[in-house]
PDB file of all heavy atoms in Angstrom:
ATOM      1  N   LEU A   1       0.651   9.740  22.421  1.00  0.00           N
ATOM      2  CA  LEU A   1       1.648   8.674  22.321  1.00  0.00           C
ATOM      3  C   LEU A   1       1.119   7.408  22.978  1.00  0.00           C
ATOM      4  O   LEU A   1       0.529   7.451  24.049  1.00  0.00           O
ATOM      5  CB  LEU A   1       2.959   9.086  23.004  1.00  0.00           C
ATOM      6  CG  LEU A   1       4.057   8.024  22.991  1.00  0.00           C
ATOM      7  CD1 LEU A   1       4.568   7.791  21.571  1.00  0.00           C
ATOM      8  CD2 LEU A   1       5.200   8.423  23.914  1.00  0.00           C
ATOM      9  N   ASP A   2       1.340   6.284  22.325  1.00  0.00           N
ATOM     10  CA  ASP A   2       1.005   4.980  22.889  1.00  0.00           C
ATOM     11  C   ASP A   2       2.049   3.982  22.399  1.00  0.00           C
ATOM     12  O   ASP A   2       2.099   3.652  21.215  1.00  0.00           O
ATOM     13  CB  ASP A   2      -0.399   4.539  22.463  1.00  0.00           C
ATOM     14  CG  ASP A   2      -0.868   3.287  23.199  1.00  0.00           C
ATOM     15  OD1 ASP A   2      -0.157   2.825  24.121  1.00  0.00           O
ATOM     16  OD2 ASP A   2      -1.950   2.781  22.853  1.00  0.00           O
ATOM     17  N   THR A   3       2.909   3.547  23.304  1.00  0.00           N
ATOM     18  CA  THR A   3       3.938   2.563  22.991  1.00  0.00           C
ATOM     19  C   THR A   3       4.088   1.639  24.193  1.00  0.00           C
ATOM     20  O   THR A   3       3.465   1.864  25.229  1.00  0.00           O
ATOM     21  CB  THR A   3       5.281   3.236  22.625  1.00  0.00           C
ATOM     22  OG1 THR A   3       6.175   2.250  22.109  1.00  0.00           O
ATOM     23  CG2 THR A   3       5.915   3.949  23.805  1.00  0.00           C
ATOM     24  N   SER A   4       4.890   0.628  24.057  1.00  0.00           N
ATOM     25  CA  SER A   4       5.162  -0.262  25.177  1.00  0.00           C
ATOM     26  C   SER A   4       6.031   0.451  26.193  1.00  0.00           C
ATOM     27  O   SER A   4       6.846   1.298  25.837  1.00  0.00           O
ATOM     28  CB  SER A   4       5.905  -1.514  24.703  1.00  0.00           C
ATOM     29  OG  SER A   4       5.136  -2.247  23.800  1.00  0.00           O
ATOM     30  N   ASN A   5       5.870   0.093  27.436  1.00  0.00           N
ATOM     31  CA  ASN A   5       6.779   0.580  28.451  1.00  0.00           C
ATOM     32  C   ASN A   5       8.034  -0.272  28.386  1.00  0.00           C
ATOM     33  O   ASN A   5       8.006  -1.384  27.856  1.00  0.00           O
ATOM     34  CB  ASN A   5       6.135   0.478  29.832  1.00  0.00           C
ATOM     35  CG  ASN A   5       6.721   1.456  30.824  1.00  0.00           C
ATOM     36  OD1 ASN A   5       7.763   2.041  30.578  1.00  0.00           O
ATOM     37  ND2 ASN A   5       6.055   1.622  31.941  1.00  0.00           N
ATOM     38  N   GLY A   6       9.114   0.220  28.867  1.00  0.00           N
ATOM     39  CA  GLY A   6      10.348  -0.545  28.834  1.00  0.00           C
ATOM     40  C   GLY A   6      11.418   0.127  29.657  1.00  0.00           C
ATOM     41  O   GLY A   6      11.249   1.251  30.121  1.00  0.00           O
ATOM     42  N   PRO A   7      12.533  -0.530  29.810  1.00  0.00           N
ATOM     43  CA  PRO A   7      13.616   0.052  30.598  1.00  0.00           C
ATOM     44  C   PRO A   7      14.410   1.077  29.791  1.00  0.00           C
ATOM     45  O   PRO A   7      14.636   0.904  28.604  1.00  0.00           O
ATOM     46  CB  PRO A   7      14.496  -1.163  30.929  1.00  0.00           C
ATOM     47  CG  PRO A   7      14.269  -2.105  29.785  1.00  0.00           C
ATOM     48  CD  PRO A   7      12.830  -1.893  29.363  1.00  0.00           C
ATOM     49  N   ASP A   8      14.781   2.155  30.435  1.00  0.00           N
ATOM     50  CA  ASP A   8      15.737   3.114  29.881  1.00  0.00           C
ATOM     51  C   ASP A   8      15.289   3.717  28.550  1.00  0.00           C
ATOM     52  O   ASP A   8      16.071   3.778  27.590  1.00  0.00           O
ATOM     53  CB  ASP A   8      17.097   2.423  29.743  1.00  0.00           C
ATOM     54  CG  ASP A   8      18.272   3.378  29.856  1.00  0.00           C
ATOM     55  OD1 ASP A   8      18.065   4.523  30.301  1.00  0.00           O
ATOM     56  OD2 ASP A   8      19.388   2.983  29.483  1.00  0.00           O
ATOM     57  N   LEU A   9      14.032   4.164  28.463  1.00  0.00           N
ATOM     58  CA  LEU A   9      13.500   4.749  27.229  1.00  0.00           C
ATOM     59  C   LEU A   9      13.806   6.248  27.170  1.00  0.00           C
ATOM     60  O   LEU A   9      13.699   6.959  28.173  1.00  0.00           O
ATOM     61  CB  LEU A   9      11.996   4.538  27.128  1.00  0.00           C
ATOM     62  CG  LEU A   9      11.539   3.096  27.004  1.00  0.00           C
ATOM     63  CD1 LEU A   9      10.019   3.027  26.918  1.00  0.00           C
ATOM     64  CD2 LEU A   9      12.170   2.417  25.811  1.00  0.00           C
ATOM     65  N   HIS A  10      14.175   6.714  25.985  1.00  0.00           N
ATOM     66  CA  HIS A  10      14.540   8.108  25.765  1.00  0.00           C
ATOM     67  C   HIS A  10      13.909   8.624  24.485  1.00  0.00           C
ATOM     68  O   HIS A  10      13.471   7.850  23.635  1.00  0.00           O
ATOM     69  CB  HIS A  10      16.068   8.252  25.679  1.00  0.00           C
ATOM     70  CG  HIS A  10      16.743   7.847  26.940  1.00  0.00           C
ATOM     71  ND1 HIS A  10      17.009   8.729  27.953  1.00  0.00           N
ATOM     72  CD2 HIS A  10      17.179   6.641  27.379  1.00  0.00           C
ATOM     73  CE1 HIS A  10      17.581   8.094  28.953  1.00  0.00           C
ATOM     74  NE2 HIS A  10      17.705   6.816  28.631  1.00  0.00           N
ATOM     75  N   VAL A  11      13.905   9.957  24.341  1.00  0.00           N
ATOM     76  CA  VAL A  11      13.389  10.611  23.137  1.00  0.00           C
ATOM     77  C   VAL A  11      14.568  11.259  22.428  1.00  0.00           C
ATOM     78  O   VAL A  11      15.308  12.034  23.031  1.00  0.00           O
ATOM     79  CB  VAL A  11      12.328  11.672  23.497  1.00  0.00           C
ATOM     80  CG1 VAL A  11      11.798  12.342  22.236  1.00  0.00           C
ATOM     81  CG2 VAL A  11      11.196  11.043  24.297  1.00  0.00           C
ATOM     82  N   TRP A  12      14.736  10.913  21.152  1.00  0.00           N
ATOM     83  CA  TRP A  12      15.825  11.443  20.335  1.00  0.00           C
ATOM     84  C   TRP A  12      15.277  12.018  19.041  1.00  0.00           C
ATOM     85  O   TRP A  12      14.248  11.578  18.532  1.00  0.00           O
ATOM     86  CB  TRP A  12      16.799  10.341  19.940  1.00  0.00           C
ATOM     87  CG  TRP A  12      17.639   9.743  21.014  1.00  0.00           C
ATOM     88  CD1 TRP A  12      17.590   9.983  22.360  1.00  0.00           C
ATOM     89  CD2 TRP A  12      18.659   8.766  20.818  1.00  0.00           C
ATOM     90  NE1 TRP A  12      18.527   9.221  22.994  1.00  0.00           N
ATOM     91  CE2 TRP A  12      19.193   8.469  22.081  1.00  0.00           C
ATOM     92  CE3 TRP A  12      19.174   8.127  19.705  1.00  0.00           C
ATOM     93  CZ2 TRP A  12      20.225   7.553  22.264  1.00  0.00           C
ATOM     94  CZ3 TRP A  12      20.197   7.208  19.889  1.00  0.00           C
ATOM     95  CH2 TRP A  12      20.714   6.935  21.148  1.00  0.00           C
ATOM     96  N   ILE A  13      16.036  12.956  18.465  1.00  0.00           N
ATOM     97  CA  ILE A  13      15.848  13.382  17.079  1.00  0.00           C
ATOM     98  C   ILE A  13      17.115  12.919  16.366  1.00  0.00           C
ATOM     99  O   ILE A  13      18.226  13.193  16.827  1.00  0.00           O
ATOM    100  CB  ILE A  13      15.688  14.912  16.969  1.00  0.00           C
ATOM    101  CG1 ILE A  13      14.474  15.380  17.781  1.00  0.00           C
ATOM    102  CG2 ILE A  13      15.555  15.331  15.513  1.00  0.00           C
ATOM    103  CD1 ILE A  13      14.328  16.887  17.855  1.00  0.00           C
ATOM    104  N   THR A  14      16.971  12.170  15.257  1.00  0.00           N
ATOM    105  CA  THR A  14      18.129  11.539  14.616  1.00  0.00           C
ATOM    106  C   THR A  14      18.243  11.860  13.131  1.00  0.00           C
ATOM    107  O   THR A  14      17.278  12.303  12.501  1.00  0.00           O
ATOM    108  CB  THR A  14      18.079  10.001  14.755  1.00  0.00           C
ATOM    109  OG1 THR A  14      17.108   9.485  13.847  1.00  0.00           O
ATOM    110  CG2 THR A  14      17.747   9.582  16.158  1.00  0.00           C
ATOM    111  N   ASP A  15      19.427  11.558  12.602  1.00  0.00           N
ATOM    112  CA  ASP A  15      19.653  11.743  11.165  1.00  0.00           C
ATOM    113  C   ASP A  15      19.325  10.481  10.365  1.00  0.00           C
ATOM    114  O   ASP A  15      19.560  10.433   9.169  1.00  0.00           O
ATOM    115  CB  ASP A  15      21.094  12.181  10.895  1.00  0.00           C
ATOM    116  CG  ASP A  15      22.117  11.108  11.211  1.00  0.00           C
ATOM    117  OD1 ASP A  15      21.782  10.114  11.893  1.00  0.00           O
ATOM    118  OD2 ASP A  15      23.283  11.270  10.796  1.00  0.00           O
ATOM    119  N   ARG A  16      18.789   9.471  11.020  1.00  0.00           N
ATOM    120  CA  ARG A  16      18.393   8.224  10.335  1.00  0.00           C
ATOM    121  C   ARG A  16      16.928   8.316   9.934  1.00  0.00           C
ATOM    122  O   ARG A  16      16.106   8.873  10.654  1.00  0.00           O
ATOM    123  CB  ARG A  16      18.605   7.008  11.235  1.00  0.00           C
ATOM    124  CG  ARG A  16      20.027   6.841  11.701  1.00  0.00           C
ATOM    125  CD  ARG A  16      20.910   6.583  10.529  1.00  0.00           C
ATOM    126  NE  ARG A  16      22.307   6.531  10.938  1.00  0.00           N
ATOM    127  CZ  ARG A  16      23.255   5.983  10.227  1.00  0.00           C
ATOM    128  NH1 ARG A  16      22.994   5.469   9.055  1.00  0.00           N
ATOM    129  NH2 ARG A  16      24.487   5.972  10.658  1.00  0.00           N
ATOM    130  N   ARG A  17      16.613   7.729   8.805  1.00  0.00           N
ATOM    131  CA  ARG A  17      15.226   7.798   8.328  1.00  0.00           C
ATOM    132  C   ARG A  17      14.306   6.951   9.204  1.00  0.00           C
ATOM    133  O   ARG A  17      14.719   5.932   9.758  1.00  0.00           O
ATOM    134  CB  ARG A  17      15.127   7.389   6.868  1.00  0.00           C
ATOM    135  CG  ARG A  17      15.400   5.930   6.584  1.00  0.00           C
ATOM    136  CD  ARG A  17      15.302   5.657   5.070  1.00  0.00           C
ATOM    137  NE  ARG A  17      15.580   4.280   4.788  1.00  0.00           N
ATOM    138  CZ  ARG A  17      14.670   3.311   4.792  1.00  0.00           C
ATOM    139  NH1 ARG A  17      13.423   3.589   5.059  1.00  0.00           N
ATOM    140  NH2 ARG A  17      15.012   2.064   4.524  1.00  0.00           N
ATOM    141  N   SER A  18      13.090   7.364   9.285  1.00  0.00           N
ATOM    142  CA  SER A  18      12.078   6.612  10.018  1.00  0.00           C
ATOM    143  C   SER A  18      11.803   5.301   9.286  1.00  0.00           C
ATOM    144  O   SER A  18      11.871   5.243   8.066  1.00  0.00           O
ATOM    145  CB  SER A  18      10.791   7.444  10.096  1.00  0.00           C
ATOM    146  OG  SER A  18       9.784   6.744  10.770  1.00  0.00           O
ATOM    147  N   GLY A  19      11.528   4.270  10.017  1.00  0.00           N
ATOM    148  CA  GLY A  19      11.198   2.990   9.395  1.00  0.00           C
ATOM    149  C   GLY A  19      12.335   2.004   9.414  1.00  0.00           C
ATOM    150  O   GLY A  19      12.241   0.937   8.817  1.00  0.00           O
ATOM    151  N   GLY A  20      13.422   2.336  10.072  1.00  0.00           N
ATOM    152  CA  GLY A  20      14.535   1.398  10.150  1.00  0.00           C
ATOM    153  C   GLY A  20      15.358   1.399   8.880  1.00  0.00           C
ATOM    154  O   GLY A  20      15.278   2.295   8.052  1.00  0.00           O
ATOM    155  N   ASP A  21      16.165   0.370   8.758  1.00  0.00           N
ATOM    156  CA  ASP A  21      17.055   0.237   7.618  1.00  0.00           C
ATOM    157  C   ASP A  21      16.707  -1.066   6.921  1.00  0.00           C
ATOM    158  O   ASP A  21      16.244  -2.004   7.535  1.00  0.00           O
ATOM    159  CB  ASP A  21      18.501   0.210   8.125  1.00  0.00           C
ATOM    160  CG  ASP A  21      19.514   0.380   7.019  1.00  0.00           C
ATOM    161  OD1 ASP A  21      19.140   0.860   5.942  1.00  0.00           O
ATOM    162  OD2 ASP A  21      20.676   0.037   7.250  1.00  0.00           O
ATOM    163  N   CYS A  22      16.939  -1.145   5.686  1.00  0.00           N
ATOM    164  CA  CYS A  22      16.728  -2.347   4.859  1.00  0.00           C
ATOM    165  C   CYS A  22      15.327  -2.934   5.015  1.00  0.00           C
ATOM    166  O   CYS A  22      15.151  -4.131   5.103  1.00  0.00           O
ATOM    167  CB  CYS A  22      17.806  -3.402   5.118  1.00  0.00           C
ATOM    168  SG  CYS A  22      17.929  -4.015   6.805  1.00  0.00           S
ATOM    169  N   GLU A  23      14.344  -2.055   5.061  1.00  0.00           N
ATOM    170  CA  GLU A  23      12.933  -2.447   5.065  1.00  0.00           C
ATOM    171  C   GLU A  23      12.592  -3.514   6.104  1.00  0.00           C
ATOM    172  O   GLU A  23      11.968  -4.521   5.811  1.00  0.00           O
ATOM    173  CB  GLU A  23      12.500  -2.912   3.669  1.00  0.00           C
ATOM    174  CG  GLU A  23      12.670  -1.864   2.602  1.00  0.00           C
ATOM    175  CD  GLU A  23      11.884  -0.597   2.875  1.00  0.00           C
ATOM    176  OE1 GLU A  23      10.759  -0.659   3.372  1.00  0.00           O
ATOM    177  OE2 GLU A  23      12.436   0.490   2.589  1.00  0.00           O
ATOM    178  N   GLY A  24      13.056  -3.307   7.330  1.00  0.00           N
ATOM    179  CA  GLY A  24      12.665  -4.188   8.417  1.00  0.00           C
ATOM    180  C   GLY A  24      13.487  -5.452   8.564  1.00  0.00           C
ATOM    181  O   GLY A  24      13.102  -6.350   9.296  1.00  0.00           O
ATOM    182  N   CYS A  25      14.627  -5.544   7.872  1.00  0.00           N
ATOM    183  CA  CYS A  25      15.447  -6.744   8.019  1.00  0.00           C
ATOM    184  C   CYS A  25      16.004  -6.832   9.439  1.00  0.00           C
ATOM    185  O   CYS A  25      15.920  -5.881  10.208  1.00  0.00           O
ATOM    186  CB  CYS A  25      16.588  -6.752   6.995  1.00  0.00           C
ATOM    187  SG  CYS A  25      17.798  -5.438   7.228  1.00  0.00           S
ATOM    188  N   PHE A  26      16.575  -7.953   9.790  1.00  0.00           N
ATOM    189  CA  PHE A  26      17.105  -8.176  11.128  1.00  0.00           C
ATOM    190  C   PHE A  26      18.083  -7.061  11.505  1.00  0.00           C
ATOM    191  O   PHE A  26      18.967  -6.725  10.747  1.00  0.00           O
ATOM    192  CB  PHE A  26      17.815  -9.532  11.208  1.00  0.00           C
ATOM    193  CG  PHE A  26      18.364  -9.829  12.568  1.00  0.00           C
ATOM    194  CD1 PHE A  26      17.512 -10.207  13.589  1.00  0.00           C
ATOM    195  CD2 PHE A  26      19.707  -9.681  12.833  1.00  0.00           C
ATOM    196  CE1 PHE A  26      18.001 -10.463  14.852  1.00  0.00           C
ATOM    197  CE2 PHE A  26      20.209  -9.935  14.096  1.00  0.00           C
ATOM    198  CZ  PHE A  26      19.359 -10.321  15.108  1.00  0.00           C
ATOM    199  N   GLY A  27      17.882  -6.499  12.675  1.00  0.00           N
ATOM    200  CA  GLY A  27      18.768  -5.452  13.158  1.00  0.00           C
ATOM    201  C   GLY A  27      18.459  -4.065  12.624  1.00  0.00           C
ATOM    202  O   GLY A  27      19.181  -3.117  12.900  1.00  0.00           O
ATOM    203  N   SER A  28      17.383  -3.909  11.876  1.00  0.00           N
ATOM    204  CA  SER A  28      17.117  -2.618  11.246  1.00  0.00           C
ATOM    205  C   SER A  28      16.663  -1.556  12.241  1.00  0.00           C
ATOM    206  O   SER A  28      16.700  -0.373  11.921  1.00  0.00           O
ATOM    207  CB  SER A  28      16.077  -2.774  10.140  1.00  0.00           C
ATOM    208  OG  SER A  28      14.807  -3.052  10.684  1.00  0.00           O
ATOM    209  N   TRP A  29      16.252  -1.922  13.438  1.00  0.00           N
ATOM    210  CA  TRP A  29      15.774  -0.939  14.407  1.00  0.00           C
ATOM    211  C   TRP A  29      16.861  -0.498  15.367  1.00  0.00           C
ATOM    212  O   TRP A  29      16.611   0.271  16.279  1.00  0.00           O
ATOM    213  CB  TRP A  29      14.582  -1.494  15.173  1.00  0.00           C
ATOM    214  CG  TRP A  29      13.446  -1.777  14.257  1.00  0.00           C
ATOM    215  CD1 TRP A  29      12.931  -2.999  13.935  1.00  0.00           C
ATOM    216  CD2 TRP A  29      12.696  -0.831  13.495  1.00  0.00           C
ATOM    217  NE1 TRP A  29      11.912  -2.860  13.037  1.00  0.00           N
ATOM    218  CE2 TRP A  29      11.741  -1.538  12.742  1.00  0.00           C
ATOM    219  CE3 TRP A  29      12.737   0.549  13.368  1.00  0.00           C
ATOM    220  CZ2 TRP A  29      10.843  -0.913  11.899  1.00  0.00           C
ATOM    221  CZ3 TRP A  29      11.839   1.171  12.520  1.00  0.00           C
ATOM    222  CH2 TRP A  29      10.906   0.431  11.800  1.00  0.00           C
ATOM    223  N   GLY A  30      18.095  -0.945  15.170  1.00  0.00           N
ATOM    224  CA  GLY A  30      19.183  -0.564  16.049  1.00  0.00           C
ATOM    225  C   GLY A  30      20.123   0.454  15.449  1.00  0.00           C
ATOM    226  O   GLY A  30      21.200   0.689  15.970  1.00  0.00           O
ATOM    227  N   ILE A  31      19.723   1.104  14.352  1.00  0.00           N
ATOM    228  CA  ILE A  31      20.622   1.997  13.612  1.00  0.00           C
ATOM    229  C   ILE A  31      20.638   3.431  14.127  1.00  0.00           C
ATOM    230  O   ILE A  31      21.486   4.210  13.726  1.00  0.00           O
ATOM    231  CB  ILE A  31      20.240   2.039  12.118  1.00  0.00           C
ATOM    232  CG1 ILE A  31      18.840   2.640  11.950  1.00  0.00           C
ATOM    233  CG2 ILE A  31      20.362   0.662  11.493  1.00  0.00           C
ATOM    234  CD1 ILE A  31      18.478   3.000  10.531  1.00  0.00           C
ATOM    235  N   TYR A  32      19.724   3.794  14.990  1.00  0.00           N
ATOM    236  CA  TYR A  32      19.517   5.204  15.314  1.00  0.00           C
ATOM    237  C   TYR A  32      20.631   5.823  16.156  1.00  0.00           C
ATOM    238  O   TYR A  32      20.727   7.035  16.234  1.00  0.00           O
ATOM    239  CB  TYR A  32      18.147   5.402  15.955  1.00  0.00           C
ATOM    240  CG  TYR A  32      17.064   5.088  14.962  1.00  0.00           C
ATOM    241  CD1 TYR A  32      16.492   3.828  14.900  1.00  0.00           C
ATOM    242  CD2 TYR A  32      16.679   6.035  14.028  1.00  0.00           C
ATOM    243  CE1 TYR A  32      15.535   3.530  13.947  1.00  0.00           C
ATOM    244  CE2 TYR A  32      15.732   5.746  13.068  1.00  0.00           C
ATOM    245  CZ  TYR A  32      15.157   4.492  13.034  1.00  0.00           C
ATOM    246  OH  TYR A  32      14.230   4.197  12.084  1.00  0.00           O
ATOM    247  N   ASP A  33      21.484   5.010  16.754  1.00  0.00           N
ATOM    248  CA  ASP A  33      22.620   5.562  17.486  1.00  0.00           C
ATOM    249  C   ASP A  33      23.905   5.498  16.661  1.00  0.00           C
ATOM    250  O   ASP A  33      24.987   5.785  17.161  1.00  0.00           O
ATOM    251  CB  ASP A  33      22.811   4.863  18.832  1.00  0.00           C
ATOM    252  CG  ASP A  33      23.114   3.383  18.710  1.00  0.00           C
ATOM    253  OD1 ASP A  33      22.955   2.820  17.610  1.00  0.00           O
ATOM    254  OD2 ASP A  33      23.512   2.785  19.722  1.00  0.00           O
ATOM    255  N   ASP A  34      23.793   5.154  15.371  1.00  0.00           N
ATOM    256  CA  ASP A  34      24.963   5.041  14.499  1.00  0.00           C
ATOM    257  C   ASP A  34      25.384   6.370  13.886  1.00  0.00           C
ATOM    258  O   ASP A  34      26.488   6.498  13.386  1.00  0.00           O
ATOM    259  CB  ASP A  34      24.702   4.041  13.361  1.00  0.00           C
ATOM    260  CG  ASP A  34      24.522   2.625  13.873  1.00  0.00           C
ATOM    261  OD1 ASP A  34      24.913   2.353  15.027  1.00  0.00           O
ATOM    262  OD2 ASP A  34      23.990   1.793  13.125  1.00  0.00           O
ATOM    263  N   GLY A  35      24.507   7.339  13.887  1.00  0.00           N
ATOM    264  CA  GLY A  35      24.824   8.625  13.262  1.00  0.00           C
ATOM    265  C   GLY A  35      24.687   9.758  14.264  1.00  0.00           C
ATOM    266  O   GLY A  35      24.967   9.610  15.448  1.00  0.00           O
ATOM    267  N   ASP A  36      24.214  10.903  13.773  1.00  0.00           N
ATOM    268  CA  ASP A  36      23.999  12.066  14.631  1.00  0.00           C
ATOM    269  C   ASP A  36      22.613  11.996  15.254  1.00  0.00           C
ATOM    270  O   ASP A  36      21.650  11.560  14.612  1.00  0.00           O
ATOM    271  CB  ASP A  36      24.111  13.354  13.815  1.00  0.00           C
ATOM    272  CG  ASP A  36      25.534  13.638  13.367  1.00  0.00           C
ATOM    273  OD1 ASP A  36      26.469  13.221  14.081  1.00  0.00           O
ATOM    274  OD2 ASP A  36      25.703  14.272  12.308  1.00  0.00           O
ATOM    275  N   TYR A  37      22.526  12.471  16.472  1.00  0.00           N
ATOM    276  CA  TYR A  37      21.240  12.534  17.150  1.00  0.00           C
ATOM    277  C   TYR A  37      21.292  13.582  18.244  1.00  0.00           C
ATOM    278  O   TYR A  37      22.352  13.955  18.720  1.00  0.00           O
ATOM    279  CB  TYR A  37      20.813  11.175  17.717  1.00  0.00           C
ATOM    280  CG  TYR A  37      21.861  10.473  18.537  1.00  0.00           C
ATOM    281  CD1 TYR A  37      21.970  10.681  19.902  1.00  0.00           C
ATOM    282  CD2 TYR A  37      22.745   9.581  17.933  1.00  0.00           C
ATOM    283  CE1 TYR A  37      22.937  10.022  20.651  1.00  0.00           C
ATOM    284  CE2 TYR A  37      23.703   8.922  18.680  1.00  0.00           C
ATOM    285  CZ  TYR A  37      23.787   9.149  20.037  1.00  0.00           C
ATOM    286  OH  TYR A  37      24.745   8.505  20.775  1.00  0.00           O
TER     287      TYR A  37
END
C-alpha cells in the first residue's frame, strides 16, 4: 500500500463501485458512506 497520510483514515469494504461515481465528477469520491459498508 502507498497512499497519502491524512487525518482519521480507515479501511472499509463497501457496496459502492470502485472508481467513484459519475466518472470522477465533482463529489464522486464521497459516495462510499452512502450505502452499506
